[in-house]
N, C-alpha and C. Protein backbone atom coordinates (compact mmCIF):
# COMPACT_ATOMS: atom_id res chain seq x y z
N MET A 1 -27.83 -34.27 -30.44
CA MET A 1 -27.76 -33.28 -29.77
C MET A 1 -28.06 -33.99 -28.71
N THR A 2 -26.94 -33.98 -27.26
CA THR A 2 -27.63 -34.28 -26.16
C THR A 2 -27.88 -33.45 -24.83
N PRO A 3 -28.77 -33.74 -24.26
CA PRO A 3 -29.01 -32.60 -23.25
C PRO A 3 -27.93 -32.39 -22.26
N ALA A 4 -27.78 -31.01 -21.95
CA ALA A 4 -27.23 -30.59 -20.90
C ALA A 4 -27.50 -31.84 -19.70
N SER A 5 -26.66 -31.97 -18.88
CA SER A 5 -26.86 -32.83 -17.62
C SER A 5 -26.87 -31.82 -16.51
N ASN A 6 -27.54 -32.23 -15.30
CA ASN A 6 -27.63 -31.55 -14.23
C ASN A 6 -26.39 -31.68 -13.15
N THR A 7 -25.63 -32.83 -13.74
CA THR A 7 -24.80 -33.40 -12.44
C THR A 7 -23.49 -32.42 -12.14
N SER A 8 -23.36 -32.13 -11.05
CA SER A 8 -21.99 -31.22 -10.31
C SER A 8 -21.02 -31.87 -10.60
N THR A 9 -20.31 -30.94 -10.76
CA THR A 9 -18.70 -31.45 -10.94
C THR A 9 -18.06 -31.83 -9.61
N VAL A 10 -18.60 -31.02 -8.50
CA VAL A 10 -18.12 -31.28 -7.07
C VAL A 10 -18.92 -32.12 -6.37
N SER A 11 -18.15 -33.09 -5.45
CA SER A 11 -19.21 -33.65 -5.01
C SER A 11 -19.91 -32.68 -3.67
N PRO A 12 -20.77 -33.32 -3.16
CA PRO A 12 -21.76 -32.68 -2.05
C PRO A 12 -20.76 -32.59 -0.91
N GLY A 13 -19.86 -33.37 -0.77
CA GLY A 13 -18.73 -33.54 0.35
C GLY A 13 -18.03 -32.65 0.55
N ALA A 14 -17.30 -32.49 -0.77
CA ALA A 14 -16.30 -31.57 -0.78
C ALA A 14 -17.02 -29.95 -1.14
N ALA A 15 -18.19 -30.24 -1.37
CA ALA A 15 -18.74 -28.58 -1.25
C ALA A 15 -19.08 -28.40 0.08
N SER A 16 -19.63 -28.99 0.52
CA SER A 16 -19.67 -28.51 2.34
C SER A 16 -18.46 -28.49 2.86
N ASP A 17 -17.42 -28.90 2.45
CA ASP A 17 -15.93 -28.85 2.75
C ASP A 17 -15.44 -27.43 2.63
N ILE A 18 -15.84 -26.81 1.19
CA ILE A 18 -15.31 -25.36 0.75
C ILE A 18 -16.32 -24.64 1.61
N ILE A 19 -17.56 -24.59 1.90
CA ILE A 19 -18.33 -24.01 2.44
C ILE A 19 -18.12 -23.47 3.80
N LEU A 20 -17.72 -24.88 4.50
CA LEU A 20 -17.25 -24.66 5.65
C LEU A 20 -15.75 -23.83 5.69
N LYS A 21 -15.11 -24.15 4.99
CA LYS A 21 -13.93 -23.48 5.19
C LYS A 21 -13.79 -22.06 4.98
N SER A 22 -14.58 -21.50 3.85
CA SER A 22 -14.95 -20.43 3.20
C SER A 22 -15.37 -19.48 4.68
N ALA A 23 -16.62 -20.19 5.32
CA ALA A 23 -17.22 -19.43 6.66
C ALA A 23 -16.02 -19.18 7.65
N GLN A 24 -14.97 -20.21 8.02
CA GLN A 24 -13.86 -20.21 8.98
C GLN A 24 -13.04 -19.07 8.79
N CYS A 25 -12.93 -18.60 7.18
CA CYS A 25 -11.88 -17.52 6.80
C CYS A 25 -12.87 -16.18 7.17
N MET A 26 -14.22 -16.29 7.14
CA MET A 26 -14.95 -14.80 6.99
C MET A 26 -14.81 -14.87 8.45
N VAL A 27 -15.30 -15.58 9.42
CA VAL A 27 -15.09 -15.07 10.72
C VAL A 27 -13.91 -15.08 11.47
N VAL A 28 -12.87 -15.21 10.81
CA VAL A 28 -11.41 -14.60 11.38
C VAL A 28 -11.45 -13.21 10.86
N ALA A 29 -11.73 -12.85 9.59
CA ALA A 29 -11.95 -11.64 9.12
C ALA A 29 -12.82 -10.84 10.02
N LEU A 30 -13.98 -11.19 10.30
CA LEU A 30 -14.82 -10.52 11.14
C LEU A 30 -14.21 -10.34 12.69
N THR A 31 -13.67 -11.34 13.02
CA THR A 31 -13.27 -11.41 14.48
C THR A 31 -11.54 -9.88 14.33
N LEU A 32 -10.95 -10.05 13.32
CA LEU A 32 -10.13 -9.20 13.25
C LEU A 32 -11.02 -7.36 12.90
N MET A 33 -11.81 -7.74 12.44
CA MET A 33 -12.61 -6.22 12.12
C MET A 33 -13.11 -5.98 13.63
N LEU A 34 -13.60 -6.49 14.09
CA LEU A 34 -14.42 -6.14 15.52
C LEU A 34 -12.97 -5.93 16.68
N VAL A 35 -11.97 -6.57 16.36
CA VAL A 35 -11.05 -6.21 17.41
C VAL A 35 -10.44 -4.78 17.13
N GLY A 36 -10.10 -4.68 15.76
CA GLY A 36 -10.05 -3.27 15.48
C GLY A 36 -10.83 -2.38 15.78
N GLY A 37 -12.15 -2.38 15.66
CA GLY A 37 -13.13 -1.57 16.12
C GLY A 37 -13.33 -1.24 17.53
N ILE A 38 -13.64 -2.63 18.13
CA ILE A 38 -13.76 -2.46 19.57
C ILE A 38 -12.78 -1.75 20.39
N LEU A 39 -11.40 -2.04 19.74
CA LEU A 39 -10.17 -1.77 20.60
C LEU A 39 -9.81 -0.33 20.33
N HIS A 40 -10.68 0.63 18.98
CA HIS A 40 -10.11 1.53 18.73
C HIS A 40 -8.71 1.93 17.90
N MET A 41 -8.38 0.95 17.25
CA MET A 41 -6.95 0.81 17.04
C MET A 41 -6.34 2.43 16.35
N GLY A 42 -7.24 3.29 16.05
CA GLY A 42 -7.29 4.44 15.18
C GLY A 42 -6.62 5.47 16.47
N ILE A 43 -7.01 5.03 17.79
CA ILE A 43 -6.59 6.44 18.99
C ILE A 43 -5.55 5.87 19.80
N SER A 44 -5.80 4.20 19.61
CA SER A 44 -4.83 3.79 20.95
C SER A 44 -3.64 2.95 20.31
N PRO A 45 -2.56 3.33 20.86
CA PRO A 45 -1.30 2.69 19.97
C PRO A 45 -1.16 1.50 20.15
N TYR A 46 -1.42 0.78 21.52
CA TYR A 46 -0.86 -0.15 21.82
C TYR A 46 -1.50 -1.67 20.63
N ILE A 47 -2.52 -1.32 20.20
CA ILE A 47 -3.35 -2.32 19.38
C ILE A 47 -2.53 -2.32 18.17
N SER A 48 -2.39 -1.04 17.72
CA SER A 48 -1.89 -0.96 16.15
C SER A 48 -0.55 -1.23 16.42
N PHE A 49 0.44 -0.79 17.41
CA PHE A 49 1.51 -1.62 17.71
C PHE A 49 1.70 -3.16 17.33
N ALA A 50 0.87 -3.44 17.92
CA ALA A 50 0.95 -5.14 18.66
C ALA A 50 0.54 -5.65 17.23
N LEU A 51 -0.78 -5.23 16.26
CA LEU A 51 -0.75 -5.64 14.93
C LEU A 51 0.09 -5.64 13.93
N MET A 52 1.13 -4.36 14.21
CA MET A 52 2.07 -4.05 13.46
C MET A 52 3.24 -5.08 13.69
N GLY A 53 3.45 -5.55 14.98
CA GLY A 53 4.23 -6.60 15.09
C GLY A 53 3.96 -7.72 14.30
N ALA A 54 2.95 -8.18 14.33
CA ALA A 54 2.44 -9.70 13.60
C ALA A 54 2.85 -9.25 12.13
N ALA A 55 2.57 -7.98 11.57
CA ALA A 55 2.95 -8.21 10.37
C ALA A 55 4.62 -8.33 10.11
N VAL A 56 5.48 -7.40 10.99
CA VAL A 56 6.77 -7.74 11.00
C VAL A 56 7.38 -9.34 11.08
N LEU A 57 6.56 -10.11 12.25
CA LEU A 57 6.89 -11.54 12.14
C LEU A 57 6.43 -12.09 10.76
N HIS A 58 5.53 -12.05 10.47
CA HIS A 58 5.13 -12.39 9.00
C HIS A 58 6.50 -12.21 7.72
N VAL A 59 6.94 -10.80 8.03
CA VAL A 59 7.65 -10.55 6.81
C VAL A 59 8.95 -11.14 7.03
N VAL A 60 9.21 -11.14 8.59
CA VAL A 60 10.44 -12.39 8.94
C VAL A 60 10.63 -13.47 8.41
N ALA A 61 9.46 -14.09 8.53
CA ALA A 61 9.33 -15.30 8.04
C ALA A 61 9.61 -15.75 6.73
N LYS A 62 9.72 -14.57 5.83
CA LYS A 62 10.06 -14.96 4.49
C LYS A 62 8.70 -15.16 3.45
N PRO A 63 7.77 -14.93 3.56
CA PRO A 63 6.54 -15.29 2.83
C PRO A 63 7.09 -14.99 1.13
N SER A 64 6.14 -15.78 0.43
CA SER A 64 5.97 -15.31 -1.01
C SER A 64 5.66 -13.75 -1.19
N ALA A 65 6.29 -13.21 -2.54
CA ALA A 65 5.37 -11.97 -2.86
C ALA A 65 4.06 -11.99 -2.94
N ARG A 66 3.38 -13.17 -3.30
CA ARG A 66 2.03 -13.38 -3.22
C ARG A 66 1.54 -13.13 -1.97
N GLU A 67 1.99 -13.96 -0.92
CA GLU A 67 1.55 -13.69 0.28
C GLU A 67 1.50 -12.57 0.56
N LEU A 68 2.56 -11.68 0.52
CA LEU A 68 2.61 -10.29 0.95
C LEU A 68 1.80 -9.45 0.31
N SER A 69 1.55 -10.08 -0.70
CA SER A 69 0.52 -8.60 -1.41
C SER A 69 -0.66 -9.15 -1.06
N ALA A 70 -1.25 -10.25 -0.86
CA ALA A 70 -2.67 -10.93 -0.38
C ALA A 70 -2.85 -10.09 1.13
N ALA A 71 -1.78 -10.01 2.01
CA ALA A 71 -1.69 -9.49 3.55
C ALA A 71 -1.73 -7.78 3.32
N SER A 72 -1.43 -7.32 2.02
CA SER A 72 -1.37 -6.15 1.92
C SER A 72 -2.71 -5.58 1.32
N GLY A 73 -3.13 -6.33 0.69
CA GLY A 73 -4.47 -6.31 0.20
C GLY A 73 -5.74 -6.34 0.96
N CYS A 74 -5.57 -7.34 1.90
CA CYS A 74 -6.28 -7.65 3.06
C CYS A 74 -6.40 -6.51 4.13
N GLY A 75 -5.07 -5.79 4.20
CA GLY A 75 -5.14 -4.86 5.25
C GLY A 75 -5.66 -3.37 4.56
N ILE A 76 -5.89 -3.36 3.18
CA ILE A 76 -6.01 -2.15 2.69
C ILE A 76 -7.82 -2.53 3.08
N VAL A 77 -8.09 -3.62 2.76
CA VAL A 77 -9.75 -3.73 2.60
C VAL A 77 -10.05 -3.62 4.40
N PHE A 78 -9.16 -3.91 5.33
CA PHE A 78 -9.62 -3.90 6.45
C PHE A 78 -9.69 -2.22 7.12
N GLY A 79 -8.94 -1.53 6.23
CA GLY A 79 -8.40 -0.17 6.71
C GLY A 79 -10.01 0.66 5.75
N ALA A 80 -10.32 0.25 4.63
CA ALA A 80 -11.53 0.97 4.30
C ALA A 80 -12.77 0.54 5.08
N VAL A 81 -12.76 -0.63 5.75
CA VAL A 81 -13.81 -0.93 6.31
C VAL A 81 -13.67 -0.32 7.88
N TYR A 82 -12.54 -0.06 8.30
CA TYR A 82 -12.67 0.71 9.51
C TYR A 82 -12.71 2.12 9.40
N PHE A 83 -11.98 2.97 7.96
CA PHE A 83 -12.35 4.17 8.06
C PHE A 83 -13.91 4.59 7.18
N LEU A 84 -14.63 4.06 6.62
CA LEU A 84 -16.16 3.76 6.26
C LEU A 84 -16.95 3.97 7.27
N GLY A 85 -16.64 3.01 8.16
CA GLY A 85 -17.40 2.47 9.74
C GLY A 85 -17.20 3.81 10.44
N GLY A 86 -16.40 4.58 10.06
CA GLY A 86 -16.56 5.84 11.37
C GLY A 86 -15.70 5.50 12.24
N GLY A 87 -14.55 4.66 12.01
CA GLY A 87 -13.69 4.38 13.08
C GLY A 87 -12.68 5.79 13.36
N PRO A 88 -12.37 6.16 14.63
CA PRO A 88 -11.71 7.42 14.89
C PRO A 88 -10.31 7.25 14.82
N LEU A 89 -9.52 8.34 14.52
CA LEU A 89 -8.60 8.39 13.88
C LEU A 89 -7.96 9.87 14.47
N GLU A 90 -7.07 9.60 15.76
CA GLU A 90 -6.65 10.76 16.21
C GLU A 90 -5.06 10.71 16.34
N GLY A 91 -4.49 11.62 16.53
CA GLY A 91 -2.74 11.71 16.26
C GLY A 91 -1.99 11.13 17.61
N TYR A 92 -1.41 10.45 17.62
CA TYR A 92 -0.52 9.89 18.72
C TYR A 92 0.95 9.63 18.28
N GLN A 93 2.04 9.56 18.97
CA GLN A 93 3.13 9.68 18.46
C GLN A 93 3.47 8.53 17.67
N GLY A 94 3.67 8.44 16.22
CA GLY A 94 4.00 7.12 15.24
C GLY A 94 2.77 6.75 14.75
N ASN A 95 1.70 7.50 14.76
CA ASN A 95 0.42 6.77 14.13
C ASN A 95 0.79 6.39 12.65
N TRP A 96 1.71 7.28 12.09
CA TRP A 96 1.68 7.37 10.79
C TRP A 96 2.29 6.09 10.16
N ILE A 97 2.82 5.43 11.01
CA ILE A 97 3.38 3.97 11.08
C ILE A 97 2.85 2.93 11.25
N ALA A 98 2.01 3.34 12.69
CA ALA A 98 1.26 2.38 13.50
C ALA A 98 0.28 1.59 12.92
N MET A 99 -1.10 2.91 12.22
CA MET A 99 -1.52 2.49 11.77
C MET A 99 -2.00 1.85 10.45
N PRO A 100 -1.12 1.63 9.32
CA PRO A 100 -0.95 1.32 8.09
C PRO A 100 -0.17 -0.30 8.47
N GLY A 101 0.75 -0.31 9.67
CA GLY A 101 1.48 -1.44 9.71
C GLY A 101 0.50 -2.33 10.60
N GLY A 102 -0.40 -2.05 11.44
CA GLY A 102 -1.12 -2.43 12.16
C GLY A 102 -2.49 -3.04 11.16
N LEU A 103 -2.97 -2.45 10.25
CA LEU A 103 -3.51 -2.81 9.26
C LEU A 103 -3.11 -4.01 8.34
N VAL A 104 -1.86 -3.68 7.99
CA VAL A 104 -1.15 -4.69 7.21
C VAL A 104 -1.10 -6.01 8.33
N GLY A 105 -0.81 -5.79 9.49
CA GLY A 105 -0.84 -6.72 10.31
C GLY A 105 -1.94 -7.69 10.52
N MET A 106 -3.20 -7.08 10.24
CA MET A 106 -4.21 -7.86 10.39
C MET A 106 -4.56 -8.72 9.21
N GLY A 107 -4.00 -8.19 8.10
CA GLY A 107 -4.18 -8.85 6.81
C GLY A 107 -3.28 -10.05 7.07
N SER A 108 -1.86 -9.81 7.59
CA SER A 108 -1.02 -10.84 7.84
C SER A 108 -1.73 -12.19 8.25
N ILE A 109 -2.46 -11.50 9.78
CA ILE A 109 -3.03 -12.64 10.53
C ILE A 109 -4.26 -13.36 9.75
N GLU A 110 -4.81 -12.70 8.96
CA GLU A 110 -5.81 -13.17 7.87
C GLU A 110 -5.19 -14.05 6.99
N VAL A 111 -4.29 -13.61 6.29
CA VAL A 111 -3.66 -14.60 5.58
C VAL A 111 -2.99 -15.98 6.17
N LEU A 112 -2.40 -16.01 7.17
CA LEU A 112 -1.99 -17.19 7.82
C LEU A 112 -3.10 -17.99 8.15
N ALA A 113 -4.02 -17.15 8.75
CA ALA A 113 -5.25 -17.86 8.84
C ALA A 113 -5.64 -18.96 7.59
N TRP A 114 -5.92 -17.99 6.71
CA TRP A 114 -6.27 -18.89 5.67
C TRP A 114 -5.27 -19.98 4.94
N ARG A 115 -3.85 -20.11 5.16
CA ARG A 115 -3.30 -21.07 5.06
C ARG A 115 -3.37 -22.21 5.95
N TRP A 116 -3.71 -21.59 7.40
CA TRP A 116 -4.23 -22.83 8.16
C TRP A 116 -5.23 -23.88 7.73
N ILE A 117 -6.09 -22.86 7.59
CA ILE A 117 -7.71 -23.54 7.22
C ILE A 117 -7.60 -24.35 6.03
N TRP A 118 -7.03 -23.86 4.87
CA TRP A 118 -7.04 -24.46 3.69
C TRP A 118 -5.75 -25.59 3.46
N ALA A 119 -4.93 -25.75 4.52
CA ALA A 119 -3.83 -26.71 4.26
C ALA A 119 -4.45 -28.23 4.21
N SER A 120 -3.75 -29.12 3.75
CA SER A 120 -4.31 -30.15 3.94
C SER A 120 -3.94 -30.97 5.32
N ALA A 121 -4.48 -32.00 5.41
CA ALA A 121 -4.09 -32.57 6.83
C ALA A 121 -2.82 -33.15 6.89
N SER A 122 -2.12 -33.45 5.84
CA SER A 122 -0.37 -33.97 6.48
C SER A 122 0.22 -32.69 6.58
N GLU A 123 -0.27 -31.57 5.53
CA GLU A 123 0.65 -30.48 6.14
C GLU A 123 0.63 -29.84 7.49
N ARG A 124 -0.80 -29.93 7.87
CA ARG A 124 -0.91 -29.34 9.24
C ARG A 124 -0.22 -30.26 10.26
N ARG A 125 -0.16 -31.78 10.08
CA ARG A 125 0.36 -32.67 10.83
C ARG A 125 2.02 -32.31 10.73
N ALA A 126 2.43 -32.14 10.11
CA ALA A 126 3.96 -31.36 9.43
C ALA A 126 4.35 -30.15 10.43
N ARG A 127 3.80 -29.16 10.38
CA ARG A 127 3.55 -27.83 11.16
C ARG A 127 3.20 -28.03 12.77
N PHE A 128 2.33 -28.82 13.02
CA PHE A 128 2.36 -29.39 14.34
C PHE A 128 3.38 -29.95 14.96
N ARG A 129 4.06 -30.77 14.33
CA ARG A 129 5.02 -31.77 14.74
C ARG A 129 6.51 -30.96 14.96
N ILE A 130 6.67 -29.96 14.02
CA ILE A 130 7.78 -28.85 13.94
C ILE A 130 7.56 -27.95 15.33
N GLY A 131 6.24 -27.55 15.31
CA GLY A 131 6.08 -26.62 16.63
C GLY A 131 5.67 -27.47 17.96
N SER A 132 5.84 -28.76 18.03
CA SER A 132 5.77 -29.28 19.11
C SER A 132 7.27 -29.36 19.87
N ARG A 133 7.87 -29.23 19.31
CA ARG A 133 9.33 -29.84 19.73
C ARG A 133 9.62 -28.52 20.56
N CYS A 134 8.86 -27.39 20.76
CA CYS A 134 9.08 -26.63 21.90
C CYS A 134 8.04 -25.78 22.12
N GLY A 135 6.92 -26.48 22.16
CA GLY A 135 5.46 -26.08 22.59
C GLY A 135 5.63 -25.77 23.82
N PRO A 136 4.47 -25.48 24.47
CA PRO A 136 4.15 -25.39 25.94
C PRO A 136 4.07 -26.46 26.64
N GLY A 137 4.10 -27.50 26.10
CA GLY A 137 4.17 -28.66 26.81
C GLY A 137 5.68 -29.29 27.62
N ARG A 138 6.69 -28.79 26.80
CA ARG A 138 7.97 -28.98 27.03
C ARG A 138 8.67 -28.07 28.06
N ARG A 139 7.43 -26.70 27.89
CA ARG A 139 7.97 -25.36 28.95
C ARG A 139 7.34 -25.99 29.99
N ALA A 140 6.13 -26.46 30.23
CA ALA A 140 5.51 -26.74 31.28
C ALA A 140 5.97 -27.92 32.13
N VAL A 141 6.74 -29.00 31.28
CA VAL A 141 7.72 -29.70 32.24
C VAL A 141 8.96 -29.10 32.52
N TYR A 142 9.58 -27.98 31.85
CA TYR A 142 10.59 -27.64 32.43
C TYR A 142 10.52 -26.69 33.65
N TYR A 143 9.40 -25.69 33.34
CA TYR A 143 9.02 -25.10 34.48
C TYR A 143 8.60 -25.75 35.70
N HIS A 144 7.91 -26.75 35.65
CA HIS A 144 7.28 -27.51 36.64
C HIS A 144 8.40 -28.20 37.64
N ARG A 145 9.52 -28.76 36.51
CA ARG A 145 10.72 -29.41 37.60
C ARG A 145 11.54 -28.46 38.19
N ASN A 146 11.59 -26.85 37.84
CA ASN A 146 12.53 -25.95 38.20
C ASN A 146 11.35 -25.20 39.56
N TRP A 147 10.23 -25.56 39.28
CA TRP A 147 9.24 -24.49 40.24
C TRP A 147 9.39 -25.73 41.50
N SER A 148 9.26 -27.19 41.30
CA SER A 148 9.52 -28.23 42.37
C SER A 148 10.93 -27.91 43.35
N LEU A 149 12.07 -27.67 42.38
CA LEU A 149 13.36 -27.37 43.10
C LEU A 149 13.20 -26.19 43.81
N ALA A 150 12.52 -25.22 43.51
CA ALA A 150 12.67 -24.14 44.20
C ALA A 150 11.77 -24.29 45.27
N ARG A 151 10.38 -24.53 45.15
CA ARG A 151 9.72 -24.80 46.16
C ARG A 151 10.08 -25.72 47.49
N GLY A 152 11.34 -26.70 47.09
CA GLY A 152 11.74 -27.84 48.25
C GLY A 152 13.02 -26.71 48.64
N VAL A 153 13.81 -25.92 48.02
CA VAL A 153 14.35 -24.95 48.92
C VAL A 153 13.56 -24.10 49.36
N PHE A 154 12.72 -23.16 49.09
CA PHE A 154 12.29 -22.22 50.19
C PHE A 154 11.06 -22.70 50.87
N ASP A 155 10.40 -23.97 50.96
CA ASP A 155 9.37 -24.66 51.57
C ASP A 155 9.56 -24.35 52.92
N PRO A 156 8.88 -23.97 53.86
CA PRO A 156 9.28 -23.53 55.26
C PRO A 156 8.87 -24.82 56.08
N ARG A 157 8.42 -26.27 55.53
CA ARG A 157 8.09 -27.26 56.10
C ARG A 157 9.30 -28.15 56.14
């Protein structure tokens, strides 16, 4: 009979990486909960409708059913925390759709944060390269050129 070994199957570097990524996901979740609580998403339509817009954009991107169910599950958890924490809920026009949509929007943001945090370095580079084609750098150059033209035309000097 051989004695059981005390060696871990996960290397110390990988374990600390898992802990760090899990902590980052928790920070995003706590930040979303604070945003929902501080801005009183139950009584202010602007934050609920804005977060619902995040959910709509996430659905338009055609994620997998697993990702949509994860976003809905996170929304249910966020809603439970909000209501059990005594979050106010008053009637405003459209709150029957904005409040659940806002909670699912919070879940969508959390799921997208998970995807980004747990993505490999090559996947992150590929996504950043796609986004940089029309990112703020190109817009800044465009606006700078146009602003220089407008300033040259309207400058009284």
